[in-house]
């Protein structure tokens, strides 16, 4: 993605917005958000063709990055976290980040493999970029540290896109079944000893 003249492959998008963001959904769909363009696009990675979802500006708010997991698709707004409807191209506020926390210059959003949502806030070319944990249910952000200035993107993989598979619980030899097993061995041992003496 090149900013200014925004392109994916040889396809130029209808506008030249700032702060685009992109993600793959759990269904393998590639989505692109146009930041100040407030629009959501579906992208075909095979031929770089883009399709507008909803109408131009239908997100209704500036979203600078997207993150997807089994919990849904989320968007990084300036003042709060949004849930994205990828069928209608709309955004619904989950909640504000909290007092004094905002993303006025944009940033990145990503889930880790445990389902924790993380964000990084670009603070310009001099100030360190801030790292936050975000509660996907409330939108509240908690400061987690800082990193190099000018960071606008975040990728952590893979995001959890399937329910956790049930895991069998092994029963150790010293567990529940050990007492009946030891008892059986003792009975067999005593029986074998009596048979050998006979």
N, C-alpha and C. Protein backbone atom coordinates (compact mmCIF):
# COMPACT_ATOMS: atom_id res chain seq x y z
N UNK A 1 0.86 -1.18 0.00
CA UNK A 1 0.00 0.00 0.00
C UNK A 1 0.90 1.23 0.00
N UNK A 2 0.73 2.07 -0.96
CA UNK A 2 1.48 3.32 -1.01
C UNK A 2 0.54 4.46 -0.69
N UNK A 3 0.90 5.27 0.29
CA UNK A 3 0.04 6.39 0.66
C UNK A 3 0.20 7.51 -0.37
N UNK A 4 -0.68 8.49 -0.33
CA UNK A 4 -0.67 9.54 -1.34
C UNK A 4 -1.52 9.06 -2.51
N UNK A 5 -0.91 8.34 -3.45
CA UNK A 5 -1.68 7.66 -4.48
C UNK A 5 -1.84 6.22 -4.01
N UNK A 6 -2.92 5.95 -3.31
CA UNK A 6 -3.10 4.65 -2.67
C UNK A 6 -3.36 3.58 -3.72
N UNK A 7 -2.51 2.58 -3.75
CA UNK A 7 -2.63 1.50 -4.72
C UNK A 7 -2.51 0.15 -4.02
N UNK A 8 -3.20 -0.83 -4.57
CA UNK A 8 -2.97 -2.22 -4.21
C UNK A 8 -2.72 -2.92 -5.53
N UNK A 9 -1.52 -3.39 -5.75
CA UNK A 9 -1.16 -3.91 -7.05
C UNK A 9 -1.24 -2.78 -8.05
N UNK A 10 -1.97 -2.97 -9.14
CA UNK A 10 -2.15 -1.93 -10.15
C UNK A 10 -3.46 -1.18 -10.00
N UNK A 11 -4.20 -1.49 -8.93
CA UNK A 11 -5.51 -0.86 -8.74
C UNK A 11 -5.38 0.38 -7.87
N UNK A 12 -5.83 1.50 -8.39
CA UNK A 12 -5.84 2.73 -7.59
C UNK A 12 -7.21 2.86 -6.95
N UNK A 13 -7.22 3.10 -5.66
CA UNK A 13 -8.49 3.30 -4.97
C UNK A 13 -9.09 4.65 -5.34
N UNK A 14 -10.39 4.85 -5.11
CA UNK A 14 -11.07 6.06 -5.57
C UNK A 14 -10.55 7.35 -4.95
N UNK A 15 -9.85 7.27 -3.84
CA UNK A 15 -9.36 8.47 -3.18
C UNK A 15 -7.91 8.29 -2.80
N UNK A 16 -7.31 9.33 -2.29
CA UNK A 16 -5.93 9.26 -1.83
C UNK A 16 -5.90 9.58 -0.35
N UNK A 17 -6.46 8.70 0.49
CA UNK A 17 -6.60 9.00 1.91
C UNK A 17 -5.30 8.80 2.67
N UNK A 18 -5.28 9.31 3.87
CA UNK A 18 -4.15 9.09 4.76
C UNK A 18 -4.48 7.96 5.73
N UNK A 19 -3.42 7.37 6.27
CA UNK A 19 -3.54 6.33 7.32
C UNK A 19 -4.41 5.15 6.93
N UNK A 20 -4.11 4.46 5.83
CA UNK A 20 -4.87 3.26 5.51
C UNK A 20 -4.48 2.11 6.44
N UNK A 21 -5.37 1.16 6.63
CA UNK A 21 -5.10 -0.03 7.43
C UNK A 21 -5.64 -1.25 6.72
N UNK A 22 -5.06 -2.40 7.01
CA UNK A 22 -5.44 -3.61 6.28
C UNK A 22 -5.38 -4.81 7.22
N UNK A 23 -6.25 -5.80 6.97
CA UNK A 23 -6.22 -7.04 7.75
C UNK A 23 -6.85 -8.17 6.96
N UNK A 24 -6.58 -9.39 7.39
CA UNK A 24 -7.29 -10.57 6.90
C UNK A 24 -8.26 -11.01 7.99
N UNK A 25 -9.48 -11.34 7.61
CA UNK A 25 -10.46 -11.85 8.57
C UNK A 25 -10.23 -13.34 8.78
N UNK A 26 -10.96 -13.91 9.72
CA UNK A 26 -10.84 -15.35 9.99
C UNK A 26 -11.38 -16.19 8.84
N UNK A 27 -12.17 -15.57 7.95
CA UNK A 27 -12.67 -16.27 6.76
C UNK A 27 -11.72 -16.14 5.59
N UNK A 28 -10.57 -15.49 5.80
CA UNK A 28 -9.61 -15.32 4.73
C UNK A 28 -9.88 -14.12 3.84
N UNK A 29 -10.83 -13.29 4.22
CA UNK A 29 -11.18 -12.11 3.44
C UNK A 29 -10.21 -10.98 3.77
N UNK A 30 -9.76 -10.27 2.76
CA UNK A 30 -8.83 -9.16 2.95
C UNK A 30 -9.62 -7.86 2.94
N UNK A 31 -9.47 -7.09 4.02
CA UNK A 31 -10.20 -5.81 4.15
C UNK A 31 -9.21 -4.66 4.26
N UNK A 32 -9.63 -3.53 3.71
CA UNK A 32 -8.81 -2.32 3.78
C UNK A 32 -9.69 -1.16 4.21
N UNK A 33 -9.16 -0.35 5.13
CA UNK A 33 -9.88 0.83 5.60
C UNK A 33 -9.07 2.05 5.19
N UNK A 34 -9.75 3.13 4.81
CA UNK A 34 -9.05 4.27 4.22
C UNK A 34 -8.86 5.44 5.16
N UNK A 35 -8.80 5.22 6.46
CA UNK A 35 -8.49 6.29 7.39
C UNK A 35 -9.44 7.45 7.27
N UNK A 36 -8.91 8.62 6.87
CA UNK A 36 -9.77 9.81 6.80
C UNK A 36 -10.83 9.68 5.71
N UNK A 37 -10.67 8.73 4.79
CA UNK A 37 -11.72 8.48 3.80
C UNK A 37 -12.95 7.82 4.39
N UNK A 38 -12.80 7.23 5.60
CA UNK A 38 -13.92 6.64 6.34
C UNK A 38 -14.68 5.58 5.54
N UNK A 39 -13.94 4.83 4.72
CA UNK A 39 -14.56 3.82 3.87
C UNK A 39 -13.87 2.48 4.06
N UNK A 40 -14.64 1.42 3.81
CA UNK A 40 -14.14 0.06 3.94
C UNK A 40 -14.20 -0.62 2.58
N UNK A 41 -13.12 -1.34 2.25
CA UNK A 41 -13.04 -2.03 0.97
C UNK A 41 -12.73 -3.50 1.18
N UNK A 42 -13.26 -4.32 0.30
CA UNK A 42 -12.89 -5.73 0.20
C UNK A 42 -11.87 -5.83 -0.93
N UNK A 43 -10.78 -6.56 -0.65
CA UNK A 43 -9.70 -6.66 -1.63
C UNK A 43 -9.52 -8.10 -2.05
N UNK A 44 -9.37 -8.33 -3.35
CA UNK A 44 -9.04 -9.65 -3.86
C UNK A 44 -7.53 -9.72 -4.00
N UNK A 45 -6.83 -10.48 -3.12
CA UNK A 45 -5.37 -10.48 -3.17
C UNK A 45 -4.82 -11.14 -4.44
N UNK A 46 -5.64 -11.92 -5.14
CA UNK A 46 -5.17 -12.59 -6.35
C UNK A 46 -4.99 -11.62 -7.51
N UNK A 47 -5.89 -10.60 -7.60
CA UNK A 47 -5.78 -9.68 -8.72
C UNK A 47 -5.79 -8.20 -8.29
N UNK A 48 -5.76 -7.97 -6.99
CA UNK A 48 -5.69 -6.61 -6.43
C UNK A 48 -6.93 -5.77 -6.72
N UNK A 49 -8.05 -6.39 -7.07
CA UNK A 49 -9.28 -5.63 -7.31
C UNK A 49 -9.93 -5.28 -5.97
N UNK A 50 -10.48 -4.08 -5.88
CA UNK A 50 -11.11 -3.61 -4.65
C UNK A 50 -12.59 -3.33 -4.88
N UNK A 51 -13.39 -3.65 -3.87
CA UNK A 51 -14.83 -3.37 -3.91
C UNK A 51 -15.21 -2.60 -2.66
N UNK A 52 -15.86 -1.47 -2.86
CA UNK A 52 -16.34 -0.68 -1.74
C UNK A 52 -17.46 -1.43 -1.03
N UNK A 53 -17.37 -1.49 0.31
CA UNK A 53 -18.42 -2.10 1.12
C UNK A 53 -19.30 -0.98 1.67
N UNK A 54 -20.58 -1.08 1.46
CA UNK A 54 -21.48 0.00 1.86
C UNK A 54 -21.36 1.14 0.87
N UNK A 55 -21.27 2.37 1.39
CA UNK A 55 -21.10 3.54 0.54
C UNK A 55 -19.86 4.31 0.98
N UNK A 56 -19.40 5.21 0.15
CA UNK A 56 -18.23 6.02 0.50
C UNK A 56 -18.48 6.76 1.81
N UNK A 57 -17.59 6.59 2.76
CA UNK A 57 -17.72 7.26 4.05
C UNK A 57 -18.68 6.62 5.01
N UNK A 58 -19.19 5.41 4.69
CA UNK A 58 -20.23 4.80 5.53
C UNK A 58 -19.73 4.35 6.90
N UNK A 59 -18.42 4.27 7.11
CA UNK A 59 -17.94 3.98 8.46
C UNK A 59 -18.33 5.10 9.41
N UNK A 60 -18.37 6.33 8.89
CA UNK A 60 -18.81 7.46 9.69
C UNK A 60 -17.78 8.00 10.65
N UNK A 61 -16.61 7.38 10.69
CA UNK A 61 -15.56 7.79 11.61
C UNK A 61 -14.22 7.38 11.02
N UNK A 62 -13.18 8.11 11.38
CA UNK A 62 -11.84 7.79 10.88
C UNK A 62 -11.30 6.55 11.59
N UNK A 63 -11.07 5.50 10.83
CA UNK A 63 -10.49 4.26 11.34
C UNK A 63 -9.14 4.07 10.66
N UNK A 64 -8.07 3.99 11.44
CA UNK A 64 -6.74 3.95 10.84
C UNK A 64 -6.13 2.55 10.78
N UNK A 65 -6.73 1.58 11.45
CA UNK A 65 -6.25 0.20 11.31
C UNK A 65 -7.34 -0.76 11.74
N UNK A 66 -7.19 -2.01 11.31
CA UNK A 66 -8.16 -3.07 11.58
C UNK A 66 -7.46 -4.26 12.21
N UNK A 67 -8.20 -5.03 13.02
CA UNK A 67 -7.71 -6.29 13.57
C UNK A 67 -8.88 -7.26 13.63
N UNK A 68 -8.62 -8.52 13.28
CA UNK A 68 -9.69 -9.52 13.24
C UNK A 68 -9.29 -10.74 14.04
N UNK A 69 -10.28 -11.34 14.70
CA UNK A 69 -10.11 -12.62 15.38
C UNK A 69 -11.48 -13.28 15.38
N UNK A 70 -11.61 -14.40 16.10
CA UNK A 70 -12.91 -15.07 16.18
C UNK A 70 -13.95 -14.18 16.87
N UNK A 71 -13.50 -13.19 17.65
CA UNK A 71 -14.42 -12.27 18.33
C UNK A 71 -15.00 -11.22 17.38
N UNK A 72 -14.45 -11.09 16.18
CA UNK A 72 -14.97 -10.12 15.23
C UNK A 72 -13.88 -9.25 14.65
N UNK A 73 -14.31 -8.17 13.99
CA UNK A 73 -13.39 -7.23 13.36
C UNK A 73 -13.48 -5.92 14.13
N UNK A 74 -12.33 -5.38 14.49
CA UNK A 74 -12.29 -4.17 15.30
C UNK A 74 -11.47 -3.11 14.57
N UNK A 75 -11.82 -1.84 14.83
CA UNK A 75 -11.15 -0.73 14.18
C UNK A 75 -10.59 0.25 15.20
N UNK A 76 -9.44 0.80 14.87
CA UNK A 76 -8.76 1.77 15.72
C UNK A 76 -9.22 3.18 15.34
N UNK A 77 -10.02 3.78 16.21
CA UNK A 77 -10.46 5.16 16.00
C UNK A 77 -9.55 6.12 16.74
N UNK A 78 -9.77 7.41 16.54
CA UNK A 78 -8.94 8.41 17.21
C UNK A 78 -9.17 8.38 18.72
N UNK A 79 -10.43 8.31 19.15
CA UNK A 79 -10.75 8.39 20.57
C UNK A 79 -11.25 7.07 21.17
N UNK A 80 -11.62 6.10 20.32
CA UNK A 80 -12.18 4.87 20.86
C UNK A 80 -12.06 3.69 19.91
N UNK A 81 -12.40 2.52 20.46
CA UNK A 81 -12.37 1.27 19.71
C UNK A 81 -13.74 1.04 19.08
N UNK A 82 -13.74 0.54 17.83
CA UNK A 82 -14.98 0.32 17.09
C UNK A 82 -15.08 -1.13 16.64
N UNK A 83 -16.31 -1.63 16.61
CA UNK A 83 -16.59 -2.92 16.00
C UNK A 83 -17.04 -2.66 14.57
N UNK A 84 -16.43 -3.39 13.63
CA UNK A 84 -16.67 -3.16 12.21
C UNK A 84 -17.61 -4.22 11.65
N UNK A 85 -18.64 -3.77 10.94
CA UNK A 85 -19.55 -4.66 10.23
C UNK A 85 -19.07 -4.74 8.79
N UNK A 86 -18.46 -5.88 8.44
CA UNK A 86 -17.84 -6.01 7.11
C UNK A 86 -18.85 -6.31 6.01
N UNK A 87 -20.11 -6.51 6.37
CA UNK A 87 -21.13 -6.71 5.34
C UNK A 87 -21.78 -5.39 4.93
N UNK A 88 -21.83 -4.41 5.86
CA UNK A 88 -22.48 -3.12 5.57
C UNK A 88 -21.50 -1.95 5.48
N UNK A 89 -20.25 -2.19 5.93
CA UNK A 89 -19.27 -1.11 5.90
C UNK A 89 -19.52 -0.04 6.94
N UNK A 90 -19.98 -0.46 8.12
CA UNK A 90 -20.29 0.49 9.19
C UNK A 90 -19.44 0.19 10.42
N UNK A 91 -19.38 1.17 11.32
CA UNK A 91 -18.60 1.04 12.55
C UNK A 91 -19.48 1.42 13.74
N UNK A 92 -19.38 0.63 14.80
CA UNK A 92 -20.13 0.92 16.03
C UNK A 92 -19.14 1.06 17.18
N UNK A 93 -19.26 2.13 17.94
CA UNK A 93 -18.34 2.39 19.04
C UNK A 93 -18.48 1.32 20.12
N UNK A 94 -17.36 0.70 20.50
CA UNK A 94 -17.32 -0.21 21.64
C UNK A 94 -17.16 0.61 22.91
N UNK A 95 -16.22 1.55 22.89
CA UNK A 95 -15.99 2.40 24.04
C UNK A 95 -14.75 3.25 23.85
N UNK A 96 -14.65 4.32 24.63
CA UNK A 96 -13.48 5.19 24.55
C UNK A 96 -12.29 4.57 25.27
N UNK A 97 -11.09 4.99 24.85
CA UNK A 97 -9.87 4.41 25.41
C UNK A 97 -9.65 4.80 26.87
N UNK A 98 -10.08 5.97 27.23
CA UNK A 98 -9.88 6.44 28.60
C UNK A 98 -9.26 7.83 28.59
N UNK A 99 -9.22 8.45 29.75
CA UNK A 99 -8.74 9.82 29.89
C UNK A 99 -7.31 9.96 29.40
N UNK A 100 -7.11 10.92 28.51
CA UNK A 100 -5.76 11.24 28.04
C UNK A 100 -5.19 10.29 27.01
N UNK A 101 -5.96 9.30 26.54
CA UNK A 101 -5.46 8.34 25.56
C UNK A 101 -6.19 8.54 24.24
N UNK A 102 -5.43 8.80 23.18
CA UNK A 102 -6.00 8.96 21.85
C UNK A 102 -4.96 8.60 20.80
N UNK A 103 -5.41 8.49 19.57
CA UNK A 103 -4.55 8.12 18.45
C UNK A 103 -4.70 9.15 17.33
N UNK A 104 -4.34 10.41 17.58
CA UNK A 104 -4.58 11.47 16.61
C UNK A 104 -3.72 11.36 15.35
N UNK A 105 -2.58 10.69 15.43
CA UNK A 105 -1.70 10.54 14.28
C UNK A 105 -1.80 9.14 13.69
N UNK A 106 -2.74 8.34 14.21
CA UNK A 106 -2.89 6.98 13.72
C UNK A 106 -2.09 5.99 14.54
N UNK A 107 -2.09 4.75 14.09
CA UNK A 107 -1.38 3.70 14.79
C UNK A 107 -1.77 2.35 14.25
N UNK A 108 -1.40 1.31 15.00
CA UNK A 108 -1.66 -0.05 14.57
C UNK A 108 -2.47 -0.81 15.60
N UNK A 109 -3.15 -1.87 15.14
CA UNK A 109 -4.03 -2.68 15.98
C UNK A 109 -3.85 -4.14 15.60
N UNK A 110 -3.74 -5.03 16.61
CA UNK A 110 -3.57 -6.45 16.31
C UNK A 110 -3.93 -7.29 17.53
N UNK A 111 -4.44 -8.50 17.26
CA UNK A 111 -4.67 -9.50 18.30
C UNK A 111 -3.43 -10.38 18.42
N UNK A 112 -3.13 -10.83 19.65
CA UNK A 112 -2.11 -11.86 19.80
C UNK A 112 -2.78 -13.23 19.80
N UNK A 113 -1.97 -14.29 19.92
CA UNK A 113 -2.51 -15.65 19.80
C UNK A 113 -3.41 -16.03 20.97
N UNK A 114 -3.40 -15.25 22.05
CA UNK A 114 -4.26 -15.51 23.20
C UNK A 114 -5.56 -14.70 23.16
N UNK A 115 -5.75 -13.91 22.09
CA UNK A 115 -6.96 -13.11 21.98
C UNK A 115 -6.88 -11.75 22.63
N UNK A 116 -5.68 -11.37 23.10
CA UNK A 116 -5.50 -10.03 23.67
C UNK A 116 -5.33 -9.03 22.53
N UNK A 117 -6.03 -7.91 22.61
CA UNK A 117 -5.94 -6.87 21.60
C UNK A 117 -4.90 -5.85 22.03
N UNK A 118 -4.00 -5.50 21.08
CA UNK A 118 -2.92 -4.55 21.34
C UNK A 118 -3.01 -3.41 20.34
N UNK A 119 -2.52 -2.25 20.75
CA UNK A 119 -2.47 -1.10 19.85
C UNK A 119 -1.16 -0.36 20.05
N UNK A 120 -0.72 0.28 18.98
CA UNK A 120 0.46 1.14 19.07
C UNK A 120 0.07 2.51 18.52
N UNK A 121 0.44 3.57 19.23
CA UNK A 121 0.06 4.92 18.86
C UNK A 121 1.27 5.68 18.34
N UNK A 122 1.17 6.17 17.12
CA UNK A 122 2.21 7.01 16.54
C UNK A 122 2.15 8.38 17.20
N UNK A 123 3.27 8.83 17.74
CA UNK A 123 3.34 10.15 18.39
C UNK A 123 4.21 11.12 17.61
N UNK A 124 4.46 10.82 16.33
CA UNK A 124 5.28 11.70 15.52
C UNK A 124 6.74 11.25 15.48
N UNK A 125 7.60 12.03 14.80
CA UNK A 125 8.98 11.60 14.56
C UNK A 125 9.92 11.72 15.76
N UNK A 126 9.48 12.36 16.83
CA UNK A 126 10.37 12.58 17.98
C UNK A 126 9.94 11.78 19.20
N UNK A 127 8.65 11.82 19.53
CA UNK A 127 8.15 11.14 20.73
C UNK A 127 8.08 9.63 20.52
N UNK A 128 8.40 8.84 21.54
CA UNK A 128 8.29 7.38 21.42
C UNK A 128 6.84 6.96 21.15
N UNK A 129 6.65 5.94 20.34
CA UNK A 129 5.31 5.39 20.10
C UNK A 129 4.86 4.63 21.33
N UNK A 130 3.60 4.82 21.71
CA UNK A 130 3.07 4.20 22.92
C UNK A 130 2.38 2.88 22.60
N UNK A 131 2.56 1.89 23.47
CA UNK A 131 1.96 0.56 23.31
C UNK A 131 0.88 0.39 24.37
N UNK A 132 -0.29 -0.13 23.94
CA UNK A 132 -1.43 -0.29 24.85
C UNK A 132 -2.03 -1.68 24.72
N UNK A 133 -2.53 -2.21 25.85
CA UNK A 133 -3.47 -3.32 25.84
C UNK A 133 -4.87 -2.71 25.77
N UNK A 134 -5.72 -3.31 24.95
CA UNK A 134 -7.09 -2.78 24.83
C UNK A 134 -8.08 -3.88 25.16
N UNK A 135 -9.04 -3.55 26.01
CA UNK A 135 -10.12 -4.47 26.34
C UNK A 135 -11.14 -4.42 25.20
N UNK A 136 -11.29 -5.51 24.47
CA UNK A 136 -12.17 -5.50 23.29
C UNK A 136 -13.65 -5.38 23.69
N UNK A 137 -13.98 -5.64 24.96
CA UNK A 137 -15.37 -5.54 25.41
C UNK A 137 -15.77 -4.13 25.84
N UNK A 138 -14.80 -3.34 26.27
CA UNK A 138 -15.09 -2.00 26.77
C UNK A 138 -14.39 -0.89 26.00
N UNK A 139 -13.33 -1.23 25.28
CA UNK A 139 -12.53 -0.24 24.58
C UNK A 139 -11.48 0.42 25.44
N UNK A 140 -11.44 0.12 26.73
CA UNK A 140 -10.47 0.76 27.63
C UNK A 140 -9.05 0.32 27.30
N UNK A 141 -8.14 1.29 27.30
CA UNK A 141 -6.74 1.03 26.98
C UNK A 141 -5.89 1.16 28.23
N UNK A 142 -4.90 0.29 28.35
CA UNK A 142 -3.96 0.31 29.47
C UNK A 142 -2.55 0.41 28.91
N UNK A 143 -1.80 1.40 29.37
CA UNK A 143 -0.44 1.60 28.88
C UNK A 143 0.42 0.40 29.22
N UNK A 144 1.21 -0.05 28.23
CA UNK A 144 2.07 -1.22 28.43
C UNK A 144 3.53 -0.91 28.17
N UNK A 145 3.85 0.25 27.60
CA UNK A 145 5.24 0.61 27.34
C UNK A 145 5.35 1.52 26.14
N UNK A 146 6.58 1.74 25.71
CA UNK A 146 6.85 2.58 24.54
C UNK A 146 7.89 1.91 23.66
N UNK A 147 7.98 2.41 22.43
CA UNK A 147 8.98 1.91 21.50
C UNK A 147 9.44 3.06 20.61
N UNK A 148 10.11 2.77 19.52
CA UNK A 148 10.71 3.79 18.67
C UNK A 148 9.67 4.78 18.14
N UNK A 149 10.05 6.03 17.91
CA UNK A 149 9.12 7.01 17.35
C UNK A 149 8.67 6.64 15.93
N UNK A 150 7.47 7.11 15.57
CA UNK A 150 7.00 6.99 14.20
C UNK A 150 6.43 5.65 13.80
N UNK A 151 6.15 4.76 14.77
CA UNK A 151 5.59 3.44 14.43
C UNK A 151 4.09 3.59 14.17
N UNK A 152 3.64 3.18 12.99
CA UNK A 152 2.24 3.34 12.61
C UNK A 152 1.53 2.02 12.35
N UNK A 153 2.22 0.92 12.48
CA UNK A 153 1.60 -0.36 12.15
C UNK A 153 1.99 -1.40 13.19
N UNK A 154 1.17 -2.44 13.27
CA UNK A 154 1.39 -3.48 14.26
C UNK A 154 0.91 -4.81 13.70
N UNK A 155 1.74 -5.83 13.79
CA UNK A 155 1.36 -7.17 13.35
C UNK A 155 1.83 -8.17 14.38
N UNK A 156 0.91 -8.98 14.87
CA UNK A 156 1.21 -10.06 15.81
C UNK A 156 0.50 -11.28 15.28
N UNK A 157 1.16 -12.39 15.19
CA UNK A 157 0.43 -13.50 14.60
C UNK A 157 0.73 -14.82 15.28
N UNK A 158 -0.11 -15.78 15.03
CA UNK A 158 -1.40 -15.63 14.36
C UNK A 158 -2.51 -15.29 15.35
N UNK A 159 -3.49 -14.54 14.88
CA UNK A 159 -4.65 -14.22 15.71
C UNK A 159 -5.50 -15.48 15.89
N UNK A 160 -6.15 -15.62 17.04
CA UNK A 160 -6.98 -16.82 17.27
C UNK A 160 -8.25 -16.78 16.42
N UNK A 161 -8.29 -17.62 15.40
CA UNK A 161 -9.43 -17.62 14.49
C UNK A 161 -10.25 -18.89 14.59
N UNK A 162 -10.04 -19.68 15.61
CA UNK A 162 -10.83 -20.90 15.81
C UNK A 162 -10.96 -21.13 17.30
N UNK A 163 -12.07 -21.73 17.73
CA UNK A 163 -12.20 -22.06 19.15
C UNK A 163 -11.11 -23.03 19.55
N UNK A 164 -10.69 -22.92 20.78
CA UNK A 164 -9.68 -23.84 21.28
C UNK A 164 -10.21 -25.27 21.24
N UNK A 165 -9.41 -26.17 20.70
CA UNK A 165 -9.84 -27.57 20.63
C UNK A 165 -9.72 -28.21 22.00
N UNK A 166 -10.66 -29.10 22.33
CA UNK A 166 -10.57 -29.76 23.63
C UNK A 166 -9.30 -30.60 23.72
N UNK A 167 -8.67 -30.53 24.85
CA UNK A 167 -7.42 -31.25 25.06
C UNK A 167 -7.66 -32.34 26.09
N UNK A 168 -7.24 -33.58 25.79
CA UNK A 168 -7.38 -34.68 26.74
C UNK A 168 -6.50 -34.45 27.96
N UNK A 169 -6.99 -34.84 29.11
CA UNK A 169 -6.22 -34.68 30.34
C UNK A 169 -5.60 -36.01 30.71
N UNK A 170 -4.26 -36.11 30.63
CA UNK A 170 -3.62 -37.37 30.97
C UNK A 170 -3.73 -37.65 32.47
N UNK A 171 -3.91 -38.91 32.82
CA UNK A 171 -3.96 -39.32 34.22
C UNK A 171 -2.62 -39.95 34.56
N UNK A 172 -1.83 -39.29 35.40
CA UNK A 172 -0.51 -39.85 35.72
C UNK A 172 -0.64 -41.12 36.54
N UNK A 173 0.44 -41.91 36.56
CA UNK A 173 0.42 -43.18 37.29
C UNK A 173 0.15 -42.96 38.77
N UNK A 174 0.55 -41.81 39.27
CA UNK A 174 0.31 -41.52 40.68
C UNK A 174 -1.04 -40.89 40.93
N UNK A 175 -1.92 -40.89 39.92
CA UNK A 175 -3.21 -40.24 40.05
C UNK A 175 -4.29 -41.18 40.56
N UNK A 176 -5.52 -40.91 40.12
CA UNK A 176 -6.69 -41.60 40.64
C UNK A 176 -6.63 -43.11 40.42
N UNK A 177 -6.15 -43.54 39.25
CA UNK A 177 -6.18 -44.96 38.90
C UNK A 177 -5.05 -45.76 39.53
N UNK A 178 -4.11 -45.09 40.21
CA UNK A 178 -2.95 -45.82 40.74
C UNK A 178 -3.34 -46.78 41.86
N UNK A 179 -4.28 -46.41 42.75
CA UNK A 179 -4.63 -47.27 43.88
C UNK A 179 -5.29 -48.57 43.44
N UNK A 180 -6.32 -48.52 42.55
CA UNK A 180 -6.87 -49.80 42.08
C UNK A 180 -5.84 -50.64 41.34
N UNK A 181 -4.96 -50.01 40.59
CA UNK A 181 -3.95 -50.75 39.84
C UNK A 181 -2.97 -51.44 40.78
N UNK A 182 -2.53 -50.71 41.79
CA UNK A 182 -1.61 -51.31 42.77
C UNK A 182 -2.29 -52.47 43.51
N UNK A 183 -3.59 -52.26 43.86
CA UNK A 183 -4.32 -53.33 44.54
C UNK A 183 -4.42 -54.58 43.68
N UNK A 184 -4.69 -54.41 42.39
CA UNK A 184 -4.78 -55.55 41.48
C UNK A 184 -3.45 -56.27 41.39
N UNK A 185 -2.37 -55.51 41.30
CA UNK A 185 -1.03 -56.14 41.22
C UNK A 185 -0.70 -56.92 42.49
N UNK A 186 -1.10 -56.39 43.64
CA UNK A 186 -0.85 -57.11 44.91
C UNK A 186 -1.63 -58.42 44.95
N UNK A 187 -2.90 -58.38 44.54
CA UNK A 187 -3.71 -59.62 44.54
C UNK A 187 -3.10 -60.65 43.62
N UNK A 188 -2.71 -60.23 42.43
CA UNK A 188 -2.08 -61.17 41.49
C UNK A 188 -0.76 -61.70 42.02
N UNK A 189 0.00 -60.81 42.68
CA UNK A 189 1.30 -61.24 43.22
C UNK A 189 1.13 -62.26 44.33
N UNK A 190 0.19 -61.99 45.23
CA UNK A 190 -0.04 -62.94 46.34
C UNK A 190 -0.57 -64.24 45.80
N UNK A 191 -1.48 -64.21 44.82
CA UNK A 191 -2.00 -65.43 44.23
C UNK A 191 -0.91 -66.24 43.56
N UNK A 192 -0.02 -65.54 42.86
CA UNK A 192 1.08 -66.25 42.19
C UNK A 192 2.03 -66.86 43.21
N UNK A 193 2.26 -66.20 44.33
CA UNK A 193 3.15 -66.72 45.38
C UNK A 193 2.54 -67.97 46.00
N UNK A 194 1.24 -67.96 46.29
CA UNK A 194 0.59 -69.14 46.88
C UNK A 194 0.60 -70.33 45.89
N UNK A 195 0.39 -70.01 44.58
CA UNK A 195 0.38 -71.07 43.59
C UNK A 195 1.77 -71.72 43.48
N UNK A 196 2.82 -70.91 43.59
CA UNK A 196 4.17 -71.48 43.48
C UNK A 196 4.53 -72.31 44.67
N UNK A 197 4.01 -72.02 45.86
CA UNK A 197 4.31 -72.79 47.07
C UNK A 197 3.54 -74.11 47.06
N UNK A 198 2.37 -74.09 46.40
CA UNK A 198 1.58 -75.33 46.32
C UNK A 198 2.32 -76.29 45.39
